Amino acid sequence: MAETTGLVQRLSILEKSATCVWIGPTPNNVEALVITNDGSTADVAFTESLVQTLAAAATNYRAVVAVHADSDTKITSLRIEPV
């Protein structure tokens, strides 16, 4: 599993089942990742929680660590770095 660490530089909700997030130390040095769901109740709840956590981190200038597969950009878990 790969980890991308940094500030949430941009968060774009494209539709109910897809969100893009740009994470990195500066706006010009980011990795674009995605959050998608399959429409099931559990998956929708999980992805909504990820989006809310990312939005809170962005507004509070907190660094996050997004976990995703080595060859995939879909976020599978997220943690906020301690202060």
PDB file of N, CA and C in Angstrom:
ATOM      1  N   MET A   1       0.832  -1.177   0.000  1.00  0.00           N
ATOM      2  CA  MET A   1       0.000   0.000   0.000  1.00  0.00           C
ATOM      3  C   MET A   1       0.882   1.247   0.000  1.00  0.00           C
ATOM      4  N   ALA A   2       0.434   2.237  -0.732  1.00  0.00           N
ATOM      5  CA  ALA A   2       1.134   3.514  -0.814  1.00  0.00           C
ATOM      6  C   ALA A   2       0.440   4.528   0.091  1.00  0.00           C
ATOM      7  N   GLU A   3       1.199   5.525   0.510  1.00  0.00           N
ATOM      8  CA  GLU A   3       0.652   6.609   1.319  1.00  0.00           C
ATOM      9  C   GLU A   3       1.028   7.939   0.695  1.00  0.00           C
ATOM     10  N   THR A   4       0.059   8.839   0.637  1.00  0.00           N
ATOM     11  CA  THR A   4       0.294  10.195   0.171  1.00  0.00           C
ATOM     12  C   THR A   4       0.040  11.127   1.344  1.00  0.00           C
ATOM     13  N   THR A   5       1.046  11.923   1.684  1.00  0.00           N
ATOM     14  CA  THR A   5       0.971  12.794   2.857  1.00  0.00           C
ATOM     15  C   THR A   5       1.046  14.252   2.440  1.00  0.00           C
ATOM     16  N   GLY A   6       0.265  15.081   3.096  1.00  0.00           N
ATOM     17  CA  GLY A   6       0.318  16.512   2.839  1.00  0.00           C
ATOM     18  C   GLY A   6      -0.976  17.197   3.201  1.00  0.00           C
ATOM     19  N   LEU A   7      -1.051  18.458   2.832  1.00  0.00           N
ATOM     20  CA  LEU A   7      -2.267  19.238   3.045  1.00  0.00           C
ATOM     21  C   LEU A   7      -3.252  18.977   1.920  1.00  0.00           C
ATOM     22  N   VAL A   8      -4.523  19.132   2.226  1.00  0.00           N
ATOM     23  CA  VAL A   8      -5.552  19.034   1.196  1.00  0.00           C
ATOM     24  C   VAL A   8      -5.543  20.363   0.450  1.00  0.00           C
ATOM     25  N   GLN A   9      -5.002  20.353  -0.752  1.00  0.00           N
ATOM     26  CA  GLN A   9      -4.875  21.585  -1.527  1.00  0.00           C
ATOM     27  C   GLN A   9      -6.160  21.913  -2.285  1.00  0.00           C
ATOM     28  N   ARG A  10      -6.914  20.870  -2.649  1.00  0.00           N
ATOM     29  CA  ARG A  10      -8.151  21.082  -3.394  1.00  0.00           C
ATOM     30  C   ARG A  10      -9.031  19.857  -3.215  1.00  0.00           C
ATOM     31  N   LEU A  11     -10.341  20.078  -3.122  1.00  0.00           N
ATOM     32  CA  LEU A  11     -11.316  19.007  -2.972  1.00  0.00           C
ATOM     33  C   LEU A  11     -12.479  19.309  -3.899  1.00  0.00           C
ATOM     34  N   SER A  12     -12.744  18.422  -4.843  1.00  0.00           N
ATOM     35  CA  SER A  12     -13.821  18.644  -5.812  1.00  0.00           C
ATOM     36  C   SER A  12     -14.775  17.458  -5.813  1.00  0.00           C
ATOM     37  N   ILE A  13     -16.018  17.724  -5.434  1.00  0.00           N
ATOM     38  CA  ILE A  13     -17.045  16.690  -5.481  1.00  0.00           C
ATOM     39  C   ILE A  13     -17.660  16.745  -6.866  1.00  0.00           C
ATOM     40  N   LEU A  14     -17.415  15.710  -7.654  1.00  0.00           N
ATOM     41  CA  LEU A  14     -17.856  15.688  -9.041  1.00  0.00           C
ATOM     42  C   LEU A  14     -19.298  15.213  -9.174  1.00  0.00           C
ATOM     43  N   GLU A  15     -19.655  14.212  -8.408  1.00  0.00           N
ATOM     44  CA  GLU A  15     -21.019  13.677  -8.372  1.00  0.00           C
ATOM     45  C   GLU A  15     -21.152  12.880  -7.095  1.00  0.00           C
ATOM     46  N   LYS A  16     -22.324  12.292  -6.839  1.00  0.00           N
ATOM     47  CA  LYS A  16     -22.537  11.568  -5.588  1.00  0.00           C
ATOM     48  C   LYS A  16     -21.553  10.423  -5.387  1.00  0.00           C
ATOM     49  N   SER A  17     -21.060   9.865  -6.467  1.00  0.00           N
ATOM     50  CA  SER A  17     -20.207   8.686  -6.342  1.00  0.00           C
ATOM     51  C   SER A  17     -18.736   8.953  -6.664  1.00  0.00           C
ATOM     52  N   ALA A  18     -18.349  10.198  -6.882  1.00  0.00           N
ATOM     53  CA  ALA A  18     -16.951  10.476  -7.238  1.00  0.00           C
ATOM     54  C   ALA A  18     -16.491  11.835  -6.715  1.00  0.00           C
ATOM     55  N   THR A  19     -15.350  11.813  -6.051  1.00  0.00           N
ATOM     56  CA  THR A  19     -14.724  13.023  -5.526  1.00  0.00           C
ATOM     57  C   THR A  19     -13.235  12.971  -5.843  1.00  0.00           C
ATOM     58  N   CYS A  20     -12.665  14.099  -6.232  1.00  0.00           N
ATOM     59  CA  CYS A  20     -11.224  14.206  -6.460  1.00  0.00           C
ATOM     60  C   CYS A  20     -10.619  15.054  -5.358  1.00  0.00           C
ATOM     61  N   VAL A  21      -9.431  14.670  -4.926  1.00  0.00           N
ATOM     62  CA  VAL A  21      -8.726  15.430  -3.908  1.00  0.00           C
ATOM     63  C   VAL A  21      -7.258  15.529  -4.311  1.00  0.00           C
ATOM     64  N   TRP A  22      -6.718  16.725  -4.152  1.00  0.00           N
ATOM     65  CA  TRP A  22      -5.306  16.975  -4.455  1.00  0.00           C
ATOM     66  C   TRP A  22      -4.593  17.159  -3.127  1.00  0.00           C
ATOM     67  N   ILE A  23      -3.628  16.283  -2.836  1.00  0.00           N
ATOM     68  CA  ILE A  23      -2.920  16.293  -1.564  1.00  0.00           C
ATOM     69  C   ILE A  23      -1.431  16.500  -1.827  1.00  0.00           C
ATOM     70  N   GLY A  24      -0.835  17.411  -1.065  1.00  0.00           N
ATOM     71  CA  GLY A  24       0.595  17.654  -1.204  1.00  0.00           C
ATOM     72  C   GLY A  24       1.042  18.812  -0.348  1.00  0.00           C
ATOM     73  N   PRO A  25       2.340  19.079  -0.338  1.00  0.00           N
ATOM     74  CA  PRO A  25       2.875  20.154   0.506  1.00  0.00           C
ATOM     75  C   PRO A  25       2.548  21.558   0.004  1.00  0.00           C
ATOM     76  N   THR A  26       2.425  21.712  -1.315  1.00  0.00           N
ATOM     77  CA  THR A  26       2.102  23.021  -1.909  1.00  0.00           C
ATOM     78  C   THR A  26       1.117  22.813  -3.049  1.00  0.00           C
ATOM     79  N   PRO A  27       0.416  23.863  -3.480  1.00  0.00           N
ATOM     80  CA  PRO A  27      -0.526  23.717  -4.588  1.00  0.00           C
ATOM     81  C   PRO A  27       0.114  23.250  -5.891  1.00  0.00           C
ATOM     82  N   ASN A  28       1.409  23.492  -6.053  1.00  0.00           N
ATOM     83  CA  ASN A  28       2.096  23.086  -7.281  1.00  0.00           C
ATOM     84  C   ASN A  28       2.776  21.725  -7.173  1.00  0.00           C
ATOM     85  N   ASN A  29       2.690  21.093  -6.021  1.00  0.00           N
ATOM     86  CA  ASN A  29       3.328  19.801  -5.786  1.00  0.00           C
ATOM     87  C   ASN A  29       2.312  18.886  -5.101  1.00  0.00           C
ATOM     88  N   VAL A  30       1.424  18.294  -5.901  1.00  0.00           N
ATOM     89  CA  VAL A  30       0.331  17.493  -5.354  1.00  0.00           C
ATOM     90  C   VAL A  30       0.206  16.161  -6.085  1.00  0.00           C
ATOM     91  N   GLU A  31      -0.524  15.270  -5.444  1.00  0.00           N
ATOM     92  CA  GLU A  31      -0.926  14.029  -6.090  1.00  0.00           C
ATOM     93  C   GLU A  31      -2.449  14.013  -6.103  1.00  0.00           C
ATOM     94  N   ALA A  32      -3.026  13.749  -7.257  1.00  0.00           N
ATOM     95  CA  ALA A  32      -4.474  13.693  -7.384  1.00  0.00           C
ATOM     96  C   ALA A  32      -4.953  12.289  -7.042  1.00  0.00           C
ATOM     97  N   LEU A  33      -5.899  12.213  -6.105  1.00  0.00           N
ATOM     98  CA  LEU A  33      -6.474  10.944  -5.688  1.00  0.00           C
ATOM     99  C   LEU A  33      -7.988  11.014  -5.824  1.00  0.00           C
ATOM    100  N   VAL A  34      -8.645   9.867  -5.779  1.00  0.00           N
ATOM    101  CA  VAL A  34     -10.100   9.840  -5.938  1.00  0.00           C
ATOM    102  C   VAL A  34     -10.754   9.081  -4.796  1.00  0.00           C
ATOM    103  N   ILE A  35     -12.008   9.414  -4.591  1.00  0.00           N
ATOM    104  CA  ILE A  35     -12.877   8.683  -3.674  1.00  0.00           C
ATOM    105  C   ILE A  35     -14.102   8.309  -4.490  1.00  0.00           C
ATOM    106  N   THR A  36     -14.379   7.022  -4.591  1.00  0.00           N
ATOM    107  CA  THR A  36     -15.555   6.565  -5.321  1.00  0.00           C
ATOM    108  C   THR A  36     -16.303   5.556  -4.473  1.00  0.00           C
ATOM    109  N   ASN A  37     -17.593   5.389  -4.778  1.00  0.00           N
ATOM    110  CA  ASN A  37     -18.371   4.363  -4.082  1.00  0.00           C
ATOM    111  C   ASN A  37     -19.208   3.587  -5.085  1.00  0.00           C
ATOM    112  N   ASP A  38     -19.637   2.400  -4.658  1.00  0.00           N
ATOM    113  CA  ASP A  38     -20.399   1.525  -5.545  1.00  0.00           C
ATOM    114  C   ASP A  38     -21.909   1.680  -5.391  1.00  0.00           C
ATOM    115  N   GLY A  39     -22.346   2.608  -4.546  1.00  0.00           N
ATOM    116  CA  GLY A  39     -23.770   2.857  -4.364  1.00  0.00           C
ATOM    117  C   GLY A  39     -24.393   2.096  -3.210  1.00  0.00           C
ATOM    118  N   SER A  40     -23.665   1.143  -2.635  1.00  0.00           N
ATOM    119  CA  SER A  40     -24.211   0.418  -1.488  1.00  0.00           C
ATOM    120  C   SER A  40     -24.243   1.346  -0.274  1.00  0.00           C
ATOM    121  N   THR A  41     -25.141   1.073   0.639  1.00  0.00           N
ATOM    122  CA  THR A  41     -25.305   1.932   1.807  1.00  0.00           C
ATOM    123  C   THR A  41     -24.011   2.066   2.605  1.00  0.00           C
ATOM    124  N   ALA A  42     -23.332   0.964   2.842  1.00  0.00           N
ATOM    125  CA  ALA A  42     -22.094   0.997   3.625  1.00  0.00           C
ATOM    126  C   ALA A  42     -20.997   1.771   2.899  1.00  0.00           C
ATOM    127  N   ASP A  43     -20.861   1.561   1.593  1.00  0.00           N
ATOM    128  CA  ASP A  43     -19.817   2.243   0.834  1.00  0.00           C
ATOM    129  C   ASP A  43     -20.093   3.739   0.728  1.00  0.00           C
ATOM    130  N   VAL A  44     -21.347   4.117   0.568  1.00  0.00           N
ATOM    131  CA  VAL A  44     -21.710   5.536   0.523  1.00  0.00           C
ATOM    132  C   VAL A  44     -21.386   6.202   1.859  1.00  0.00           C
ATOM    133  N   ALA A  45     -21.719   5.553   2.965  1.00  0.00           N
ATOM    134  CA  ALA A  45     -21.430   6.108   4.288  1.00  0.00           C
ATOM    135  C   ALA A  45     -19.923   6.261   4.493  1.00  0.00           C
ATOM    136  N   PHE A  46     -19.148   5.261   4.077  1.00  0.00           N
ATOM    137  CA  PHE A  46     -17.695   5.319   4.220  1.00  0.00           C
ATOM    138  C   PHE A  46     -17.102   6.463   3.405  1.00  0.00           C
ATOM    139  N   THR A  47     -17.507   6.593   2.148  1.00  0.00           N
ATOM    140  CA  THR A  47     -16.936   7.643   1.297  1.00  0.00           C
ATOM    141  C   THR A  47     -17.380   9.038   1.748  1.00  0.00           C
ATOM    142  N   GLU A  48     -18.607   9.159   2.236  1.00  0.00           N
ATOM    143  CA  GLU A  48     -19.041  10.456   2.768  1.00  0.00           C
ATOM    144  C   GLU A  48     -18.214  10.841   3.988  1.00  0.00           C
ATOM    145  N   SER A  49     -17.872   9.867   4.807  1.00  0.00           N
ATOM    146  CA  SER A  49     -17.016  10.125   5.961  1.00  0.00           C
ATOM    147  C   SER A  49     -15.628  10.585   5.523  1.00  0.00           C
ATOM    148  N   LEU A  50     -15.072   9.955   4.483  1.00  0.00           N
ATOM    149  CA  LEU A  50     -13.774  10.374   3.957  1.00  0.00           C
ATOM    150  C   LEU A  50     -13.822  11.818   3.466  1.00  0.00           C
ATOM    151  N   VAL A  51     -14.859  12.160   2.718  1.00  0.00           N
ATOM    152  CA  VAL A  51     -14.992  13.512   2.166  1.00  0.00           C
ATOM    153  C   VAL A  51     -15.127  14.532   3.298  1.00  0.00           C
ATOM    154  N   GLN A  52     -15.930  14.229   4.307  1.00  0.00           N
ATOM    155  CA  GLN A  52     -16.097  15.150   5.435  1.00  0.00           C
ATOM    156  C   GLN A  52     -14.790  15.332   6.197  1.00  0.00           C
ATOM    157  N   THR A  53     -14.036  14.257   6.368  1.00  0.00           N
ATOM    158  CA  THR A  53     -12.752  14.342   7.057  1.00  0.00           C
ATOM    159  C   THR A  53     -11.763  15.180   6.260  1.00  0.00           C
ATOM    160  N   LEU A  54     -11.725  14.985   4.952  1.00  0.00           N
ATOM    161  CA  LEU A  54     -10.840  15.782   4.098  1.00  0.00           C
ATOM    162  C   LEU A  54     -11.223  17.255   4.115  1.00  0.00           C
ATOM    163  N   ALA A  55     -12.510  17.542   4.092  1.00  0.00           N
ATOM    164  CA  ALA A  55     -12.963  18.933   4.135  1.00  0.00           C
ATOM    165  C   ALA A  55     -12.580  19.583   5.463  1.00  0.00           C
ATOM    166  N   ALA A  56     -12.739  18.860   6.561  1.00  0.00           N
ATOM    167  CA  ALA A  56     -12.353  19.391   7.870  1.00  0.00           C
ATOM    168  C   ALA A  56     -10.848  19.627   7.939  1.00  0.00           C
ATOM    169  N   ALA A  57     -10.069  18.700   7.402  1.00  0.00           N
ATOM    170  CA  ALA A  57      -8.610  18.869   7.397  1.00  0.00           C
ATOM    171  C   ALA A  57      -8.206  20.073   6.560  1.00  0.00           C
ATOM    172  N   ALA A  58      -8.880  20.268   5.428  1.00  0.00           N
ATOM    173  CA  ALA A  58      -8.555  21.398   4.547  1.00  0.00           C
ATOM    174  C   ALA A  58      -8.845  22.731   5.230  1.00  0.00           C
ATOM    175  N   THR A  59      -9.969  22.838   5.888  1.00  0.00           N
ATOM    176  CA  THR A  59     -10.333  24.111   6.511  1.00  0.00           C
ATOM    177  C   THR A  59      -9.540  24.400   7.772  1.00  0.00           C
ATOM    178  N   ASN A  60      -8.932  23.367   8.358  1.00  0.00           N
ATOM    179  CA  ASN A  60      -8.146  23.547   9.583  1.00  0.00           C
ATOM    180  C   ASN A  60      -6.644  23.418   9.349  1.00  0.00           C
ATOM    181  N   TYR A  61      -6.232  23.384   8.071  1.00  0.00           N
ATOM    182  CA  TYR A  61      -4.812  23.309   7.699  1.00  0.00           C
ATOM    183  C   TYR A  61      -4.083  22.153   8.394  1.00  0.00           C
ATOM    184  N   ARG A  62      -4.728  20.987   8.377  1.00  0.00           N
ATOM    185  CA  ARG A  62      -4.145  19.792   8.980  1.00  0.00           C
ATOM    186  C   ARG A  62      -3.653  18.862   7.889  1.00  0.00           C
ATOM    187  N   ALA A  63      -2.488  18.287   8.084  1.00  0.00           N
ATOM    188  CA  ALA A  63      -1.949  17.319   7.130  1.00  0.00           C
ATOM    189  C   ALA A  63      -2.690  15.993   7.261  1.00  0.00           C
ATOM    190  N   VAL A  64      -2.854  15.326   6.139  1.00  0.00           N
ATOM    191  CA  VAL A  64      -3.511  14.024   6.113  1.00  0.00           C
ATOM    192  C   VAL A  64      -2.574  12.997   5.493  1.00  0.00           C
ATOM    193  N   VAL A  65      -2.873  11.746   5.755  1.00  0.00           N
ATOM    194  CA  VAL A  65      -2.190  10.636   5.107  1.00  0.00           C
ATOM    195  C   VAL A  65      -3.270   9.797   4.448  1.00  0.00           C
ATOM    196  N   ALA A  66      -3.271   9.785   3.119  1.00  0.00           N
ATOM    197  CA  ALA A  66      -4.237   8.999   2.354  1.00  0.00           C
ATOM    198  C   ALA A  66      -3.574   7.698   1.923  1.00  0.00           C
ATOM    199  N   VAL A  67      -4.213   6.586   2.226  1.00  0.00           N
ATOM    200  CA  VAL A  67      -3.684   5.273   1.875  1.00  0.00           C
ATOM    201  C   VAL A  67      -4.417   4.789   0.626  1.00  0.00           C
ATOM    202  N   HIS A  68      -3.642   4.285  -0.326  1.00  0.00           N
ATOM    203  CA  HIS A  68      -4.198   3.777  -1.576  1.00  0.00           C
ATOM    204  C   HIS A  68      -3.280   2.683  -2.095  1.00  0.00           C
ATOM    205  N   ALA A  69      -3.751   1.902  -3.046  1.00  0.00           N
ATOM    206  CA  ALA A  69      -2.927   0.842  -3.611  1.00  0.00           C
ATOM    207  C   ALA A  69      -1.752   1.440  -4.374  1.00  0.00           C
ATOM    208  N   ASP A  70      -0.686   0.677  -4.527  1.00  0.00           N
ATOM    209  CA  ASP A  70       0.510   1.165  -5.214  1.00  0.00           C
ATOM    210  C   ASP A  70       0.224   1.628  -6.633  1.00  0.00           C
ATOM    211  N   SER A  71      -0.662   0.943  -7.312  1.00  0.00           N
ATOM    212  CA  SER A  71      -0.941   1.282  -8.715  1.00  0.00           C
ATOM    213  C   SER A  71      -2.352   1.824  -8.911  1.00  0.00           C
ATOM    214  N   ASP A  72      -2.918   2.427  -7.862  1.00  0.00           N
ATOM    215  CA  ASP A  72      -4.289   2.932  -7.928  1.00  0.00           C
ATOM    216  C   ASP A  72      -4.355   4.255  -7.176  1.00  0.00           C
ATOM    217  N   THR A  73      -5.261   5.120  -7.573  1.00  0.00           N
ATOM    218  CA  THR A  73      -5.404   6.416  -6.905  1.00  0.00           C
ATOM    219  C   THR A  73      -6.626   6.473  -5.992  1.00  0.00           C
ATOM    220  N   LYS A  74      -7.341   5.370  -5.840  1.00  0.00           N
ATOM    221  CA  LYS A  74      -8.532   5.349  -4.991  1.00  0.00           C
ATOM    222  C   LYS A  74      -8.128   5.249  -3.525  1.00  0.00           C
ATOM    223  N   ILE A  75      -8.571   6.216  -2.724  1.00  0.00           N
ATOM    224  CA  ILE A  75      -8.261   6.240  -1.297  1.00  0.00           C
ATOM    225  C   ILE A  75      -9.025   5.118  -0.601  1.00  0.00           C
ATOM    226  N   THR A  76      -8.298   4.318   0.184  1.00  0.00           N
ATOM    227  CA  THR A  76      -8.925   3.217   0.930  1.00  0.00           C
ATOM    228  C   THR A  76      -8.994   3.491   2.421  1.00  0.00           C
ATOM    229  N   SER A  77      -8.134   4.376   2.915  1.00  0.00           N
ATOM    230  CA  SER A  77      -8.223   4.822   4.308  1.00  0.00           C
ATOM    231  C   SER A  77      -7.524   6.166   4.446  1.00  0.00           C
ATOM    232  N   LEU A  78      -7.798   6.814   5.549  1.00  0.00           N
ATOM    233  CA  LEU A  78      -7.321   8.179   5.746  1.00  0.00           C
ATOM    234  C   LEU A  78      -7.045   8.407   7.214  1.00  0.00           C
ATOM    235  N   ARG A  79      -5.974   9.125   7.489  1.00  0.00           N
ATOM    236  CA  ARG A  79      -5.731   9.544   8.870  1.00  0.00           C
ATOM    237  C   ARG A  79      -5.210  10.978   8.864  1.00  0.00           C
ATOM    238  N   ILE A  80      -5.487  11.676   9.955  1.00  0.00           N
ATOM    239  CA  ILE A  80      -5.017  13.050  10.105  1.00  0.00           C
ATOM    240  C   ILE A  80      -3.790  13.009  10.995  1.00  0.00           C
ATOM    241  N   GLU A  81      -2.733  13.666  10.550  1.00  0.00           N
ATOM    242  CA  GLU A  81      -1.490  13.697  11.315  1.00  0.00           C
ATOM    243  C   GLU A  81      -1.691  14.478  12.607  1.00  0.00           C
ATOM    244  N   PRO A  82      -1.077  14.011  13.709  1.00  0.00           N
ATOM    245  CA  PRO A  82      -1.188  14.754  14.961  1.00  0.00           C
ATOM    246  C   PRO A  82      -0.452  16.084  14.879  1.00  0.00           C
ATOM    247  N   VAL A  83      -0.886  17.010  15.677  1.00  0.00           N
ATOM    248  CA  VAL A  83      -0.285  18.346  15.691  1.00  0.00           C
ATOM    249  C   VAL A  83       1.057  18.292  16.369  1.00  0.00           C
TER     250      VAL A  83
END
